[in-house]
Amino acid sequence: MKTVDLNGKPFHFIGIGGIGMSALAYIVAKRQIPVSGSDLCTSNITARLKALGVRIFNCQEAANLNWFTTTAQSVYENNSSLALTSPTERQSMTSAPVNNSLNGNKTINVLPQIIRSTAIDESNAEYQAAVALDCPIFHRSDLLAALIAKYHSIAVSGTHGKTTTSSLIAYMLWKAGLDPTAIIGGEVSDWEGNARVGESEYLVAEADESDGSLVKHAPAIGIITNIELDHPDRYQNITEVIEIFQTFAERCLTVIGCLDDEIVRQNLKLDISYGLNSKLSPDYTAKNIKYRARGTEAEIWEKGKYLGVLKLQLLGKHNLNNALAAVAVGRKLGLEFSLIKESIAPFGGTKRRFEHRGEANGITFIDDYAHHPSEITATLAAAKQKVQSEGTQQRIVAIFQPHRYSRTETFMDEFANAFKDADVVVLTDIYSAGEKNITGISGEKLAEAMAANHPQVHYHSSLSSLVDFLYKQILRSGDLALFLGAGNLNQIIPQIITLYE
């Protein structure tokens, strides 16, 4: 079997701008290994990589790999201003050998290791070129597994809560002075990105079950937040999902899991447990909980022993459980609770997880990645707790963009009942995420199903009409406007805010 080489052989990422791919590219580049990659879109993420010296191709073409074959030696230039955008530019810039490399002054004479995500299929021209050149080709999870194997790793898995939990653990270890490396599925403001490189033996990584690659990882500590069917395009039923997590748990030296989740409780053997249901006797639990508008406060107990009071800036029961997972990890690593609580307290969350995007005309704009019925229910419950704790009559207006046809079809009934804590629900059409619509499902059909359970449901097919509708007919001073979904719905938030200026 081919194995990932982390000893200097270059990497080329097809789809480098993705949240998971870019984090891996950042880590590899910081290890002084030459890195390049392609993506159809530019973003702050690709800009960050480019500033680090990563060569970015702004297209996905077979000709991208000519960069490694058009001269006598494969060349990387340590100049972020030379990002290539077309085959013509590439040809002109590689007409003569250049004796520089991307990360240092090494001469590269080998074809790159190709890293791709599940989104890059065999029809991709760049992927086909890599096959033709006989480049070593790996899934992004292979590279993540190789990195996990090199560290005392903490891998956070689960259907929901992975990003917040992994970010919180990495932040806690960072503030506690343990200087971890982190690979996160979301951007953390404190280190301005979705990855950081530390000098210690610790690595915190988000481990995803969506494509089944979770079974490749063998961390020192594995966390399972919950188990639910979320990817019906990959799994036929919940049994298949459970089997993936069981295999992952078997590969972990220590398994930490949430007892509040019935599927976790009944199907996994846990070494350390946590949860809010004290009747289940979890190793770590919280009592005397106070949910406030600007965070959560609770007493933390360890195997029946009172540790102290934990204060979070995060809202909701689900985030208190995420914090308990972090406490369990900290204690496993030998940290005193006093240091744990001090390290956790400043954490403000990650982008797109109940992220405050601004205020205008007395309206509060919140962006959240929730796209599964359970996530939506938890996020709206947190929003309701916030409104109630403030003692206002603030309306919660939920603006939702369904994500994937398969998920919408599978969970139609669950979606229809997930918005009870919203005063007004506004839907747009389904974000396909590359899927084909084989059943004829639509956002309008989902809106009709929701309307049977909710008094105020509105539907607009396009984002442009949605902007005008929200501005002119729905939003009013005092509202909490909560934008929900994993697609591109959040792109309209600045447009709406601007209309009020």
Protein backbone atom coordinates (compact mmCIF):
# COMPACT_ATOMS: atom_id res chain seq x y z
CA MET A 1 0.00 0.00 0.00
CA LYS A 2 1.10 3.54 -0.68
CA THR A 3 1.59 5.59 2.44
CA VAL A 4 1.61 9.32 3.00
CA ASP A 5 5.15 10.71 3.09
CA LEU A 6 5.63 13.55 5.60
CA ASN A 7 9.41 13.74 5.14
CA GLY A 8 9.55 16.44 2.48
CA LYS A 9 7.86 15.06 -0.62
CA PRO A 10 5.52 17.78 -1.98
CA PHE A 11 1.75 17.79 -1.74
CA HIS A 12 -0.84 19.02 -4.24
CA PHE A 13 -4.42 19.45 -2.98
CA ILE A 14 -7.29 19.26 -5.47
CA GLY A 15 -9.92 21.50 -3.90
CA ILE A 16 -7.54 23.15 -1.45
CA GLY A 17 -10.06 25.81 -0.37
CA GLY A 18 -12.39 23.40 1.43
CA ILE A 19 -12.56 23.76 5.20
CA GLY A 20 -11.00 20.35 5.88
CA MET A 21 -8.53 20.38 2.99
CA SER A 22 -7.22 23.85 3.76
CA ALA A 23 -6.54 22.96 7.40
CA LEU A 24 -4.43 19.99 6.31
CA ALA A 25 -2.62 22.08 3.69
CA TYR A 26 -1.79 24.67 6.35
CA ILE A 27 -0.36 22.06 8.73
CA VAL A 28 1.77 20.45 6.01
CA ALA A 29 3.06 23.80 4.75
CA LYS A 30 4.01 24.83 8.28
CA ARG A 31 6.07 21.62 8.47
CA GLN A 32 8.20 23.16 5.69
CA ILE A 33 6.93 20.71 3.07
CA PRO A 34 6.22 22.16 -0.41
CA VAL A 35 2.48 22.59 -0.95
CA SER A 36 0.35 23.60 -3.90
CA GLY A 37 -3.32 23.25 -4.66
CA SER A 38 -6.25 24.20 -6.83
CA ASP A 39 -9.65 25.64 -6.16
CA LEU A 40 -12.33 27.27 -8.27
CA CYS A 41 -12.95 30.04 -5.74
CA THR A 42 -10.74 32.40 -3.82
CA SER A 43 -11.47 33.13 -0.17
CA ASN A 44 -9.87 34.31 3.03
CA ILE A 45 -8.81 30.69 3.53
CA THR A 46 -6.94 30.46 0.21
CA ALA A 47 -5.49 33.92 0.86
CA ARG A 48 -4.10 32.69 4.18
CA LEU A 49 -2.49 29.71 2.47
CA LYS A 50 -1.11 31.88 -0.30
CA ALA A 51 0.46 34.23 2.25
CA LEU A 52 2.14 31.19 3.79
CA GLY A 53 3.76 30.43 0.44
CA VAL A 54 1.33 27.84 -0.90
CA ARG A 55 0.95 28.02 -4.69
CA ILE A 56 -2.74 28.35 -5.58
CA PHE A 57 -4.10 27.46 -9.02
CA ASN A 58 -7.47 29.17 -9.52
CA CYS A 59 -8.85 26.43 -11.77
CA GLN A 60 -9.05 22.65 -11.77
CA GLU A 61 -7.45 21.55 -15.03
CA ALA A 62 -5.18 18.75 -16.13
CA ALA A 63 -2.67 21.41 -17.11
CA ASN A 64 -2.14 22.29 -13.45
CA LEU A 65 0.07 19.24 -13.11
CA ASN A 66 2.22 20.43 -16.04
CA TRP A 67 3.84 22.56 -13.38
CA PHE A 68 5.65 19.40 -12.27
CA THR A 69 6.61 18.20 -15.77
CA THR A 70 7.24 21.16 -18.13
CA THR A 71 10.80 21.80 -16.95
CA ALA A 72 13.74 19.56 -16.24
CA GLN A 73 12.88 19.82 -12.56
CA SER A 74 9.65 20.38 -10.70
CA VAL A 75 9.69 23.92 -9.39
CA TYR A 76 8.10 25.79 -6.50
CA GLU A 77 8.71 29.51 -6.19
CA ASN A 78 8.63 31.19 -2.79
CA ASN A 79 6.68 34.19 -4.01
CA SER A 80 3.01 34.47 -3.06
CA SER A 81 2.42 37.15 -5.73
CA LEU A 82 2.92 34.57 -8.49
CA ALA A 83 -0.33 32.64 -8.07
CA LEU A 84 -1.13 31.08 -11.46
CA THR A 85 -4.52 31.35 -13.03
CA SER A 86 -4.21 29.87 -16.52
CA PRO A 87 -2.18 27.33 -18.51
CA THR A 88 -0.72 30.19 -20.58
CA GLU A 89 0.68 31.89 -17.48
CA ARG A 90 2.00 28.60 -16.18
CA GLN A 91 3.78 27.83 -19.45
CA SER A 92 5.46 31.24 -19.60
CA MET A 93 6.61 31.03 -15.99
CA THR A 94 7.98 27.49 -16.28
CA SER A 95 9.84 27.92 -19.57
CA ALA A 96 13.16 27.85 -17.73
CA PRO A 97 14.30 26.05 -14.61
CA VAL A 98 14.09 28.06 -11.40
CA ASN A 99 16.16 27.03 -8.41
CA ASN A 100 13.69 27.95 -5.68
CA SER A 101 11.08 26.01 -3.77
CA LEU A 102 7.84 26.86 -2.02
CA ASN A 103 8.91 26.47 1.58
CA GLY A 104 12.65 27.08 1.61
CA ASN A 105 15.36 26.62 -0.97
CA LYS A 106 14.99 22.99 -1.90
CA THR A 107 15.00 21.63 -5.44
CA ILE A 108 12.02 19.36 -6.03
CA ASN A 109 12.52 16.51 -8.49
CA VAL A 110 9.49 14.35 -7.76
CA LEU A 111 5.84 14.34 -8.62
CA PRO A 112 3.57 15.49 -5.78
CA GLN A 113 1.40 13.46 -3.51
CA ILE A 114 -2.17 14.25 -4.54
CA ILE A 115 -4.71 14.91 -1.80
CA ARG A 116 -8.40 14.94 -2.68
CA SER A 117 -11.66 15.04 -0.77
CA THR A 118 -14.76 12.97 -1.38
CA ALA A 119 -16.11 15.90 -3.42
CA ILE A 120 -13.44 15.27 -6.10
CA ASP A 121 -14.56 12.31 -8.16
CA GLU A 122 -12.94 10.40 -11.01
CA SER A 123 -14.43 12.71 -13.64
CA ASN A 124 -12.31 15.62 -12.39
CA ALA A 125 -9.75 16.51 -15.08
CA GLU A 126 -7.02 17.30 -12.58
CA TYR A 127 -7.56 13.98 -10.83
CA GLN A 128 -7.41 12.15 -14.17
CA ALA A 129 -4.10 13.86 -14.98
CA ALA A 130 -2.70 12.77 -11.63
CA VAL A 131 -3.70 9.17 -12.38
CA ALA A 132 -2.08 9.37 -15.81
CA LEU A 133 1.18 10.64 -14.28
CA ASP A 134 1.05 7.87 -11.66
CA CYS A 135 1.15 10.34 -8.81
CA PRO A 136 0.50 8.86 -5.37
CA ILE A 137 -3.15 9.74 -4.69
CA PHE A 138 -4.68 9.91 -1.21
CA HIS A 139 -7.99 10.86 0.33
CA ARG A 140 -7.73 13.79 2.75
CA SER A 141 -8.50 11.36 5.59
CA ASP A 142 -5.29 9.43 4.78
CA LEU A 143 -3.24 12.54 5.43
CA LEU A 144 -5.21 13.29 8.60
CA ALA A 145 -4.65 9.71 9.80
CA ALA A 146 -0.92 10.06 9.14
CA LEU A 147 -0.79 13.25 11.20
CA ILE A 148 -2.87 11.74 14.01
CA ALA A 149 -0.40 8.85 14.18
CA LYS A 150 2.54 11.23 14.71
CA TYR A 151 1.11 12.92 17.80
CA HIS A 152 -0.52 12.19 21.13
CA SER A 153 -3.80 12.86 19.37
CA ILE A 154 -7.28 13.77 20.52
CA ALA A 155 -9.83 13.06 17.77
CA VAL A 156 -13.32 14.48 18.17
CA SER A 157 -16.07 12.57 16.38
CA GLY A 158 -19.85 12.51 16.52
CA THR A 159 -22.75 13.48 14.30
CA HIS A 160 -23.09 16.93 15.87
CA GLY A 161 -20.84 19.20 17.90
CA LYS A 162 -17.47 18.15 16.47
CA THR A 163 -16.30 21.60 15.46
CA THR A 164 -17.21 23.36 18.69
CA THR A 165 -15.86 20.54 20.87
CA SER A 166 -12.56 20.19 19.00
CA SER A 167 -12.10 23.97 18.91
CA LEU A 168 -12.84 24.24 22.62
CA ILE A 169 -10.40 21.46 23.52
CA ALA A 170 -7.65 22.93 21.35
CA TYR A 171 -8.29 26.39 22.81
CA MET A 172 -8.23 25.02 26.36
CA LEU A 173 -4.91 23.24 25.80
CA TRP A 174 -3.48 26.35 24.13
CA LYS A 175 -4.47 28.63 27.01
CA ALA A 176 -3.26 26.03 29.53
CA GLY A 177 0.20 26.20 27.98
CA LEU A 178 0.21 22.80 26.27
CA ASP A 179 0.60 24.40 22.79
CA PRO A 180 -1.33 21.86 20.67
CA THR A 181 -1.49 21.47 16.92
CA ALA A 182 -5.12 21.75 15.80
CA ILE A 183 -7.04 20.69 12.68
CA ILE A 184 -10.59 22.03 12.94
CA GLY A 185 -13.65 22.04 10.67
CA GLY A 186 -14.34 25.70 11.41
CA GLU A 187 -12.48 28.97 11.80
CA VAL A 188 -11.39 30.06 15.27
CA SER A 189 -10.94 33.81 15.64
CA ASP A 190 -8.21 33.52 18.27
CA TRP A 191 -5.79 31.93 15.83
CA GLU A 192 -7.43 33.38 12.70
CA GLY A 193 -8.14 30.14 10.94
CA ASN A 194 -9.10 26.48 10.99
CA ALA A 195 -5.66 25.17 11.93
CA ARG A 196 -2.67 25.99 14.08
CA VAL A 197 0.72 24.39 14.58
CA GLY A 198 2.04 23.93 18.09
CA GLU A 199 5.34 22.69 19.45
CA SER A 200 4.00 20.06 21.83
CA GLU A 201 3.16 16.38 21.38
CA TYR A 202 -0.58 17.09 21.34
CA LEU A 203 -2.82 17.28 18.29
CA VAL A 204 -6.57 17.99 18.37
CA ALA A 205 -8.44 16.99 15.23
CA GLU A 206 -12.01 16.86 14.04
CA ALA A 207 -12.77 13.35 12.75
CA ASP A 208 -15.62 13.12 10.27
CA GLU A 209 -17.90 10.13 9.75
CA SER A 210 -19.68 11.48 6.66
CA ASP A 211 -17.72 9.38 4.14
CA GLY A 212 -16.78 6.45 6.37
CA SER A 213 -13.15 7.53 6.71
CA LEU A 214 -13.47 7.77 10.50
CA VAL A 215 -12.27 4.16 10.76
CA LYS A 216 -8.78 5.12 9.56
CA HIS A 217 -7.93 7.04 12.72
CA ALA A 218 -6.30 5.59 15.83
CA PRO A 219 -5.90 8.45 18.32
CA ALA A 220 -4.78 8.31 21.93
CA ILE A 221 -8.13 9.83 22.94
CA GLY A 222 -11.29 9.54 20.91
CA ILE A 223 -14.42 11.54 21.71
CA ILE A 224 -17.90 10.62 20.49
CA THR A 225 -20.40 13.41 21.12
CA ASN A 226 -23.50 11.65 19.73
CA ILE A 227 -24.58 9.30 16.96
CA GLU A 228 -27.37 9.96 14.49
CA LEU A 229 -28.08 9.38 10.82
CA ASP A 230 -27.05 12.58 9.04
CA HIS A 231 -25.70 11.43 5.66
CA PRO A 232 -28.32 9.27 3.95
CA ASP A 233 -26.31 9.62 0.73
CA ARG A 234 -23.60 7.49 2.38
CA TYR A 235 -25.44 5.32 4.93
CA GLN A 236 -28.56 3.24 4.39
CA ASN A 237 -29.57 3.18 8.05
CA ILE A 238 -28.49 3.99 11.59
CA THR A 239 -26.97 0.52 12.01
CA GLU A 240 -24.29 1.32 9.44
CA VAL A 241 -23.51 4.58 11.24
CA ILE A 242 -23.19 2.80 14.58
CA GLU A 243 -20.77 0.28 13.08
CA ILE A 244 -18.48 3.09 11.87
CA PHE A 245 -18.32 4.59 15.35
CA GLN A 246 -17.81 1.19 16.97
CA THR A 247 -14.81 0.56 14.72
CA PHE A 248 -13.42 4.00 15.53
CA ALA A 249 -13.88 3.38 19.27
CA GLU A 250 -12.00 0.10 19.04
CA ARG A 251 -9.02 1.94 17.52
CA CYS A 252 -8.84 4.56 20.31
CA LEU A 253 -6.71 4.01 23.41
CA THR A 254 -9.23 5.95 25.50
CA VAL A 255 -12.86 6.50 24.51
CA ILE A 256 -14.81 9.45 25.92
CA GLY A 257 -18.51 9.66 25.15
CA CYS A 258 -21.75 11.39 26.04
CA LEU A 259 -24.17 9.27 28.08
CA ASP A 260 -27.06 11.62 27.27
CA ASP A 261 -27.08 10.13 23.78
CA GLU A 262 -29.02 6.86 23.89
CA ILE A 263 -27.27 5.35 20.88
CA VAL A 264 -23.84 6.06 22.35
CA ARG A 265 -24.95 4.70 25.70
CA GLN A 266 -26.31 1.44 24.30
CA ASN A 267 -23.73 0.65 21.63
CA LEU A 268 -20.31 1.79 22.84
CA LYS A 269 -18.02 0.80 25.68
CA LEU A 270 -16.78 4.07 27.16
CA ASP A 271 -13.68 4.55 29.29
CA ILE A 272 -14.82 8.02 30.41
CA SER A 273 -18.36 9.39 30.22
CA TYR A 274 -20.00 12.79 30.49
CA GLY A 275 -23.53 14.15 30.31
CA LEU A 276 -26.16 16.38 31.88
CA ASN A 277 -28.43 13.54 33.02
CA SER A 278 -27.01 12.83 36.48
CA LYS A 279 -29.34 9.82 36.86
CA LEU A 280 -27.13 8.00 34.36
CA SER A 281 -24.11 8.55 36.64
CA PRO A 282 -21.69 10.00 34.08
CA ASP A 283 -18.10 10.55 35.20
CA TYR A 284 -18.48 14.27 34.46
CA THR A 285 -21.71 16.17 34.87
CA ALA A 286 -23.06 19.64 35.60
CA LYS A 287 -25.47 20.82 38.29
CA ASN A 288 -27.14 24.09 39.25
CA ILE A 289 -27.01 25.24 35.64
CA LYS A 290 -27.75 28.85 34.78
CA TYR A 291 -28.41 29.67 31.15
CA ARG A 292 -27.97 33.37 30.53
CA ALA A 293 -28.12 35.69 27.53
CA ARG A 294 -24.34 35.89 27.27
CA GLY A 295 -23.35 32.40 28.30
CA THR A 296 -23.75 29.50 30.69
CA GLU A 297 -22.65 28.87 34.27
CA ALA A 298 -22.69 25.49 36.05
CA GLU A 299 -21.16 23.47 38.84
CA ILE A 300 -18.94 20.68 37.48
CA TRP A 301 -18.77 17.31 39.20
CA GLU A 302 -16.24 14.52 38.65
CA LYS A 303 -17.32 11.03 39.77
CA GLY A 304 -19.44 12.54 42.53
CA LYS A 305 -16.79 15.06 43.61
CA TYR A 306 -17.44 18.78 43.23
CA LEU A 307 -14.73 20.46 41.13
CA GLY A 308 -15.94 24.05 40.90
CA VAL A 309 -17.96 26.47 38.78
CA LEU A 310 -17.43 26.63 35.01
CA LYS A 311 -18.38 29.77 33.08
CA LEU A 312 -18.91 29.59 29.32
CA GLN A 313 -19.52 32.23 26.71
CA LEU A 314 -21.40 29.57 24.72
CA LEU A 315 -25.18 29.18 24.80
CA GLY A 316 -27.35 26.10 25.16
CA LYS A 317 -27.38 22.65 26.72
CA HIS A 318 -25.55 21.15 23.75
CA ASN A 319 -22.59 23.47 24.29
CA LEU A 320 -22.46 22.71 28.00
CA ASN A 321 -22.12 19.05 27.04
CA ASN A 322 -19.35 20.00 24.61
CA ALA A 323 -17.60 21.78 27.48
CA LEU A 324 -17.93 18.66 29.67
CA ALA A 325 -16.09 16.72 26.97
CA ALA A 326 -13.30 19.31 27.13
CA VAL A 327 -13.18 19.03 30.93
CA ALA A 328 -12.90 15.24 30.63
CA VAL A 329 -9.98 15.59 28.23
CA GLY A 330 -8.24 18.15 30.41
CA ARG A 331 -8.53 15.96 33.48
CA LYS A 332 -7.34 12.90 31.52
CA LEU A 333 -4.23 14.88 30.60
CA GLY A 334 -3.66 15.79 34.24
CA LEU A 335 -4.80 19.42 34.28
CA GLU A 336 -6.18 20.91 37.48
CA PHE A 337 -9.78 22.06 37.19
CA SER A 338 -8.79 25.59 38.20
CA LEU A 339 -6.60 25.79 35.07
CA ILE A 340 -9.26 24.15 32.91
CA LYS A 341 -11.97 26.65 33.85
CA GLU A 342 -9.61 29.61 33.41
CA SER A 343 -8.59 28.32 29.99
CA ILE A 344 -12.15 27.66 28.80
CA ALA A 345 -13.76 30.88 30.04
CA PRO A 346 -12.49 33.24 27.28
CA PHE A 347 -13.48 30.92 24.40
CA GLY A 348 -15.95 32.75 22.16
CA GLY A 349 -16.77 29.94 19.75
CA THR A 350 -16.06 29.36 16.08
CA LYS A 351 -17.38 31.04 13.00
CA ARG A 352 -20.84 29.96 11.85
CA ARG A 353 -21.70 28.49 15.26
CA PHE A 354 -24.20 31.00 16.67
CA GLU A 355 -21.88 33.66 15.31
CA HIS A 356 -22.93 37.25 15.91
CA ARG A 357 -22.68 38.95 12.51
CA GLY A 358 -23.91 42.40 13.46
CA GLU A 359 -26.86 44.57 14.34
CA ALA A 360 -28.91 46.99 12.28
CA ASN A 361 -32.21 48.76 12.91
CA GLY A 362 -32.39 47.01 16.28
CA ILE A 363 -32.15 43.58 14.61
CA THR A 364 -29.55 41.06 15.78
CA PHE A 365 -28.08 38.92 13.00
CA ILE A 366 -26.82 35.44 13.92
CA ASP A 367 -25.20 32.90 11.56
CA ASP A 368 -25.27 29.19 12.39
CA TYR A 369 -24.15 26.11 10.46
CA ALA A 370 -27.03 23.94 11.76
CA HIS A 371 -28.46 21.88 8.90
CA HIS A 372 -29.79 18.69 10.55
CA PRO A 373 -33.14 18.70 12.41
CA SER A 374 -31.44 17.92 15.75
CA GLU A 375 -28.94 20.74 15.28
CA ILE A 376 -31.68 23.18 14.34
CA THR A 377 -33.74 22.21 17.39
CA ALA A 378 -30.74 22.69 19.70
CA THR A 379 -29.76 26.03 18.14
CA LEU A 380 -33.29 27.42 18.31
CA ALA A 381 -33.58 26.26 21.93
CA ALA A 382 -30.38 28.19 22.71
CA ALA A 383 -31.79 31.24 20.95
CA LYS A 384 -34.99 30.99 23.00
CA GLN A 385 -32.97 30.71 26.22
CA LYS A 386 -31.10 33.85 25.21
CA VAL A 387 -34.29 35.80 24.52
CA GLN A 388 -36.01 34.63 27.69
CA SER A 389 -33.00 35.39 29.89
CA GLU A 390 -32.90 38.92 28.51
CA GLY A 391 -36.54 39.35 29.47
CA THR A 392 -37.51 40.86 26.13
CA GLN A 393 -40.30 40.22 23.65
CA GLN A 394 -37.74 39.67 20.93
CA ARG A 395 -39.04 37.55 18.04
CA ILE A 396 -36.90 34.69 16.74
CA VAL A 397 -36.96 34.71 12.94
CA ALA A 398 -35.40 31.52 11.57
CA ILE A 399 -34.17 31.76 7.98
CA PHE A 400 -33.29 28.29 6.72
CA GLN A 401 -31.61 26.93 3.61
CA PRO A 402 -31.97 23.12 3.43
CA HIS A 403 -28.72 21.30 2.61
CA ARG A 404 -28.67 18.37 0.17
CA TYR A 405 -31.68 16.75 -1.52
CA SER A 406 -31.05 13.39 0.16
CA ARG A 407 -31.03 14.88 3.66
CA THR A 408 -34.16 16.96 3.01
CA GLU A 409 -36.03 13.96 1.62
CA THR A 410 -34.97 11.60 4.40
CA PHE A 411 -35.75 13.98 7.27
CA MET A 412 -38.81 15.75 5.87
CA ASP A 413 -40.96 14.99 8.94
CA GLU A 414 -38.17 15.88 11.37
CA PHE A 415 -37.54 19.21 9.65
CA ALA A 416 -41.25 19.96 9.69
CA ASN A 417 -41.21 19.70 13.50
CA ALA A 418 -37.82 21.25 14.27
CA PHE A 419 -38.80 24.94 14.30
CA LYS A 420 -41.19 25.14 17.26
CA ASP A 421 -38.98 27.68 19.06
CA ALA A 422 -39.05 30.10 16.11
CA ASP A 423 -41.74 32.77 15.89
CA VAL A 424 -41.34 33.08 12.12
CA VAL A 425 -39.78 30.62 9.66
CA VAL A 426 -38.51 31.62 6.22
CA LEU A 427 -37.23 28.98 3.77
CA THR A 428 -35.31 29.17 0.54
CA ASP A 429 -34.59 26.39 -1.93
CA ILE A 430 -32.29 23.45 -1.27
CA TYR A 431 -28.52 23.87 -1.52
CA SER A 432 -27.54 20.82 -3.58
CA ALA A 433 -23.87 20.50 -2.50
CA GLY A 434 -23.33 18.77 -5.85
CA GLU A 435 -26.13 16.22 -5.50
CA LYS A 436 -28.61 15.42 -8.24
CA ASN A 437 -32.29 15.82 -7.42
CA ILE A 438 -33.60 12.36 -8.25
CA THR A 439 -36.86 12.54 -6.28
CA GLY A 440 -38.13 16.02 -7.14
CA ILE A 441 -37.86 17.27 -3.57
CA SER A 442 -37.83 21.05 -3.16
CA GLY A 443 -37.67 23.75 -0.54
CA GLU A 444 -41.25 24.63 -1.40
CA LYS A 445 -42.45 21.11 -0.53
CA LEU A 446 -40.60 21.32 2.76
CA ALA A 447 -42.23 24.69 3.46
CA GLU A 448 -45.64 23.14 2.87
CA ALA A 449 -44.85 20.35 5.36
CA MET A 450 -43.64 22.91 7.91
CA ALA A 451 -46.75 25.01 7.49
CA ALA A 452 -48.84 22.14 8.86
CA ASN A 453 -46.99 22.49 12.17
CA HIS A 454 -46.12 26.18 12.34
CA PRO A 455 -48.34 29.28 11.99
CA GLN A 456 -45.84 31.46 10.12
CA VAL A 457 -43.86 29.80 7.33
CA HIS A 458 -42.75 31.65 4.19
CA TYR A 459 -40.91 30.41 1.10
CA HIS A 460 -38.72 32.23 -1.46
CA SER A 461 -36.84 30.24 -4.07
CA SER A 462 -33.91 32.58 -4.67
CA LEU A 463 -31.55 34.35 -2.32
CA SER A 464 -31.99 37.64 -4.18
CA SER A 465 -35.76 37.66 -3.63
CA LEU A 466 -35.18 36.55 -0.06
CA VAL A 467 -33.06 39.63 0.69
CA ASP A 468 -35.83 41.95 -0.48
CA PHE A 469 -38.54 39.94 1.30
CA LEU A 470 -36.75 39.92 4.64
CA TYR A 471 -35.94 43.62 4.44
CA LYS A 472 -39.37 44.87 3.32
CA GLN A 473 -41.83 42.43 4.85
CA ILE A 474 -40.44 40.27 7.64
CA LEU A 475 -37.71 41.72 9.80
CA ARG A 476 -38.47 44.46 12.28
CA SER A 477 -36.66 46.21 15.09
CA GLY A 478 -36.08 43.94 18.07
CA ASP A 479 -35.89 40.70 16.05
CA LEU A 480 -33.23 38.03 16.42
CA ALA A 481 -32.62 36.92 12.83
CA LEU A 482 -31.08 33.45 12.87
CA PHE A 483 -29.67 32.24 9.54
CA LEU A 484 -29.43 28.43 9.49
CA GLY A 485 -27.74 26.10 7.02
CA ALA A 486 -24.46 24.71 5.71
CA GLY A 487 -24.75 26.27 2.25
CA ASN A 488 -24.34 29.85 1.05
CA LEU A 489 -27.32 31.45 2.82
CA ASN A 490 -25.03 33.43 5.13
CA GLN A 491 -23.70 35.39 2.15
CA ILE A 492 -26.83 37.55 2.16
CA ILE A 493 -26.38 38.73 5.76
CA PRO A 494 -24.08 41.67 4.88
CA GLN A 495 -26.45 42.68 2.06
CA ILE A 496 -29.38 42.94 4.45
CA ILE A 497 -27.38 44.80 7.08
CA THR A 498 -26.25 47.28 4.42
CA LEU A 499 -29.85 48.03 3.46
CA TYR A 500 -30.47 49.44 6.93
CA GLU A 501 -27.44 51.72 6.86
